[in-house]
Amino acid sequence: MSGPLAFDEPEFLTLRVGGSPTTVERLMLIGRPRNGIVRVRQWTSNSWNTEGEVLDVAAPALMADIQRVYDAREPVSEEIYGIRRWLLG
């Protein structure tokens, strides 16, 4: 018999990306992919004191966006390999 959720399997990935003189910093709370779509609650350095924006995004599109930030050598708070595993399996 298994429990409802294992404590070692989080349901969200928290990720901070970007933040340079030319780009805003983003904080994202990324849900687990379901049918290739992830639900993201996102805040930017322009909207910290809000509820954040909720988006449903194709996991490969979000991965491509994060990869662009990483390739531009802007800050990404988690290892790219772990992000790829989270989003694409």
C-alpha atoms as a PDB file:
ATOM      1  CA  MET A   1       0.000   0.000   0.000  1.00  0.00           C
ATOM      2  CA  SER A   2       1.404   3.391  -0.916  1.00  0.00           C
ATOM      3  CA  GLY A   3       0.749   6.781   0.628  1.00  0.00           C
ATOM      4  CA  PRO A   4      -0.702   9.760  -1.226  1.00  0.00           C
ATOM      5  CA  LEU A   5       2.662  11.419  -1.968  1.00  0.00           C
ATOM      6  CA  ALA A   6       6.210  10.602  -1.048  1.00  0.00           C
ATOM      7  CA  PHE A   7       7.904  13.459   0.797  1.00  0.00           C
ATOM      8  CA  ASP A   8      11.024  13.021  -1.337  1.00  0.00           C
ATOM      9  CA  GLU A   9       9.100  13.730  -4.548  1.00  0.00           C
ATOM     10  CA  PRO A  10       8.299  17.452  -4.636  1.00  0.00           C
ATOM     11  CA  GLU A  11       5.413  18.675  -6.736  1.00  0.00           C
ATOM     12  CA  PHE A  12       7.076  21.984  -7.634  1.00  0.00           C
ATOM     13  CA  LEU A  13      10.463  23.176  -8.814  1.00  0.00           C
ATOM     14  CA  THR A  14      11.458  26.662  -7.639  1.00  0.00           C
ATOM     15  CA  LEU A  15      13.714  28.389 -10.112  1.00  0.00           C
ATOM     16  CA  ARG A  16      15.282  31.845 -10.303  1.00  0.00           C
ATOM     17  CA  VAL A  17      16.499  32.883 -13.749  1.00  0.00           C
ATOM     18  CA  GLY A  18      18.027  35.948 -15.347  1.00  0.00           C
ATOM     19  CA  GLY A  19      18.611  39.247 -13.754  1.00  0.00           C
ATOM     20  CA  SER A  20      21.098  41.382 -15.584  1.00  0.00           C
ATOM     21  CA  PRO A  21      21.298  45.055 -16.513  1.00  0.00           C
ATOM     22  CA  THR A  22      19.260  44.229 -19.648  1.00  0.00           C
ATOM     23  CA  THR A  23      16.824  41.558 -18.390  1.00  0.00           C
ATOM     24  CA  VAL A  24      14.467  41.241 -15.452  1.00  0.00           C
ATOM     25  CA  GLU A  25      14.964  38.574 -12.830  1.00  0.00           C
ATOM     26  CA  ARG A  26      12.246  35.906 -12.727  1.00  0.00           C
ATOM     27  CA  LEU A  27      11.225  33.621  -9.911  1.00  0.00           C
ATOM     28  CA  MET A  28       9.207  30.632 -11.116  1.00  0.00           C
ATOM     29  CA  LEU A  29       7.295  27.990  -9.232  1.00  0.00           C
ATOM     30  CA  ILE A  30       7.006  25.191 -11.814  1.00  0.00           C
ATOM     31  CA  GLY A  31       4.577  22.308 -11.391  1.00  0.00           C
ATOM     32  CA  ARG A  32       5.190  18.785 -12.618  1.00  0.00           C
ATOM     33  CA  PRO A  33       4.516  18.327 -16.338  1.00  0.00           C
ATOM     34  CA  ARG A  34       1.156  16.830 -17.206  1.00  0.00           C
ATOM     35  CA  ASN A  35       0.643  15.825 -20.841  1.00  0.00           C
ATOM     36  CA  GLY A  36       3.606  17.991 -21.832  1.00  0.00           C
ATOM     37  CA  ILE A  37       2.249  21.148 -20.149  1.00  0.00           C
ATOM     38  CA  VAL A  38       3.515  22.777 -16.963  1.00  0.00           C
ATOM     39  CA  ARG A  39       1.720  25.291 -14.794  1.00  0.00           C
ATOM     40  CA  VAL A  40       4.040  28.119 -13.807  1.00  0.00           C
ATOM     41  CA  ARG A  41       3.492  30.882 -11.264  1.00  0.00           C
ATOM     42  CA  GLN A  42       5.972  33.596 -12.122  1.00  0.00           C
ATOM     43  CA  TRP A  43       7.140  36.787 -10.482  1.00  0.00           C
ATOM     44  CA  THR A  44       9.614  39.255 -11.932  1.00  0.00           C
ATOM     45  CA  SER A  45      11.815  41.887 -10.376  1.00  0.00           C
ATOM     46  CA  ASN A  46       9.036  44.268 -11.447  1.00  0.00           C
ATOM     47  CA  SER A  47       6.262  42.314  -9.688  1.00  0.00           C
ATOM     48  CA  TRP A  48       7.631  40.848  -6.433  1.00  0.00           C
ATOM     49  CA  ASN A  49       4.783  42.276  -4.353  1.00  0.00           C
ATOM     50  CA  THR A  50       2.003  40.729  -6.468  1.00  0.00           C
ATOM     51  CA  GLU A  51       0.337  37.320  -6.594  1.00  0.00           C
ATOM     52  CA  GLY A  52       2.409  36.518  -9.656  1.00  0.00           C
ATOM     53  CA  GLU A  53       1.293  35.539 -13.112  1.00  0.00           C
ATOM     54  CA  VAL A  54      -0.028  32.003 -13.718  1.00  0.00           C
ATOM     55  CA  LEU A  55       0.862  30.452 -17.068  1.00  0.00           C
ATOM     56  CA  ASP A  56       0.306  27.072 -18.708  1.00  0.00           C
ATOM     57  CA  VAL A  57       3.348  26.470 -20.894  1.00  0.00           C
ATOM     58  CA  ALA A  58       4.531  23.605 -23.081  1.00  0.00           C
ATOM     59  CA  ALA A  59       7.417  21.994 -21.191  1.00  0.00           C
ATOM     60  CA  PRO A  60       9.767  22.019 -24.240  1.00  0.00           C
ATOM     61  CA  ALA A  61       9.082  25.743 -24.809  1.00  0.00           C
ATOM     62  CA  LEU A  62       9.873  26.566 -21.186  1.00  0.00           C
ATOM     63  CA  MET A  63      13.036  24.455 -21.378  1.00  0.00           C
ATOM     64  CA  ALA A  64      14.104  26.355 -24.518  1.00  0.00           C
ATOM     65  CA  ASP A  65      13.508  29.680 -22.738  1.00  0.00           C
ATOM     66  CA  ILE A  66      15.568  28.619 -19.725  1.00  0.00           C
ATOM     67  CA  GLN A  67      18.289  27.214 -22.002  1.00  0.00           C
ATOM     68  CA  ARG A  68      18.562  30.611 -23.762  1.00  0.00           C
ATOM     69  CA  VAL A  69      19.107  32.303 -20.394  1.00  0.00           C
ATOM     70  CA  TYR A  70      21.687  29.679 -19.416  1.00  0.00           C
ATOM     71  CA  ASP A  71      23.495  29.967 -22.775  1.00  0.00           C
ATOM     72  CA  ALA A  72      23.644  33.756 -22.335  1.00  0.00           C
ATOM     73  CA  ARG A  73      25.504  33.047 -19.056  1.00  0.00           C
ATOM     74  CA  GLU A  74      22.848  34.756 -16.998  1.00  0.00           C
ATOM     75  CA  PRO A  75      22.075  33.339 -13.540  1.00  0.00           C
ATOM     76  CA  VAL A  76      20.012  30.140 -13.257  1.00  0.00           C
ATOM     77  CA  SER A  77      19.521  28.890  -9.687  1.00  0.00           C
ATOM     78  CA  GLU A  78      19.441  25.154 -10.478  1.00  0.00           C
ATOM     79  CA  GLU A  79      21.636  22.889 -12.593  1.00  0.00           C
ATOM     80  CA  ILE A  80      20.451  22.783 -16.201  1.00  0.00           C
ATOM     81  CA  TYR A  81      20.511  18.968 -16.164  1.00  0.00           C
ATOM     82  CA  GLY A  82      18.072  18.853 -13.234  1.00  0.00           C
ATOM     83  CA  ILE A  83      15.776  21.377 -14.913  1.00  0.00           C
ATOM     84  CA  ARG A  84      15.798  19.327 -18.119  1.00  0.00           C
ATOM     85  CA  ARG A  85      14.954  16.155 -16.163  1.00  0.00           C
ATOM     86  CA  TRP A  86      12.096  17.952 -14.392  1.00  0.00           C
ATOM     87  CA  LEU A  87      10.589  19.365 -17.582  1.00  0.00           C
ATOM     88  CA  LEU A  88      11.320  16.689 -20.157  1.00  0.00           C
ATOM     89  CA  GLY A  89      11.773  13.532 -18.120  1.00  0.00           C
END
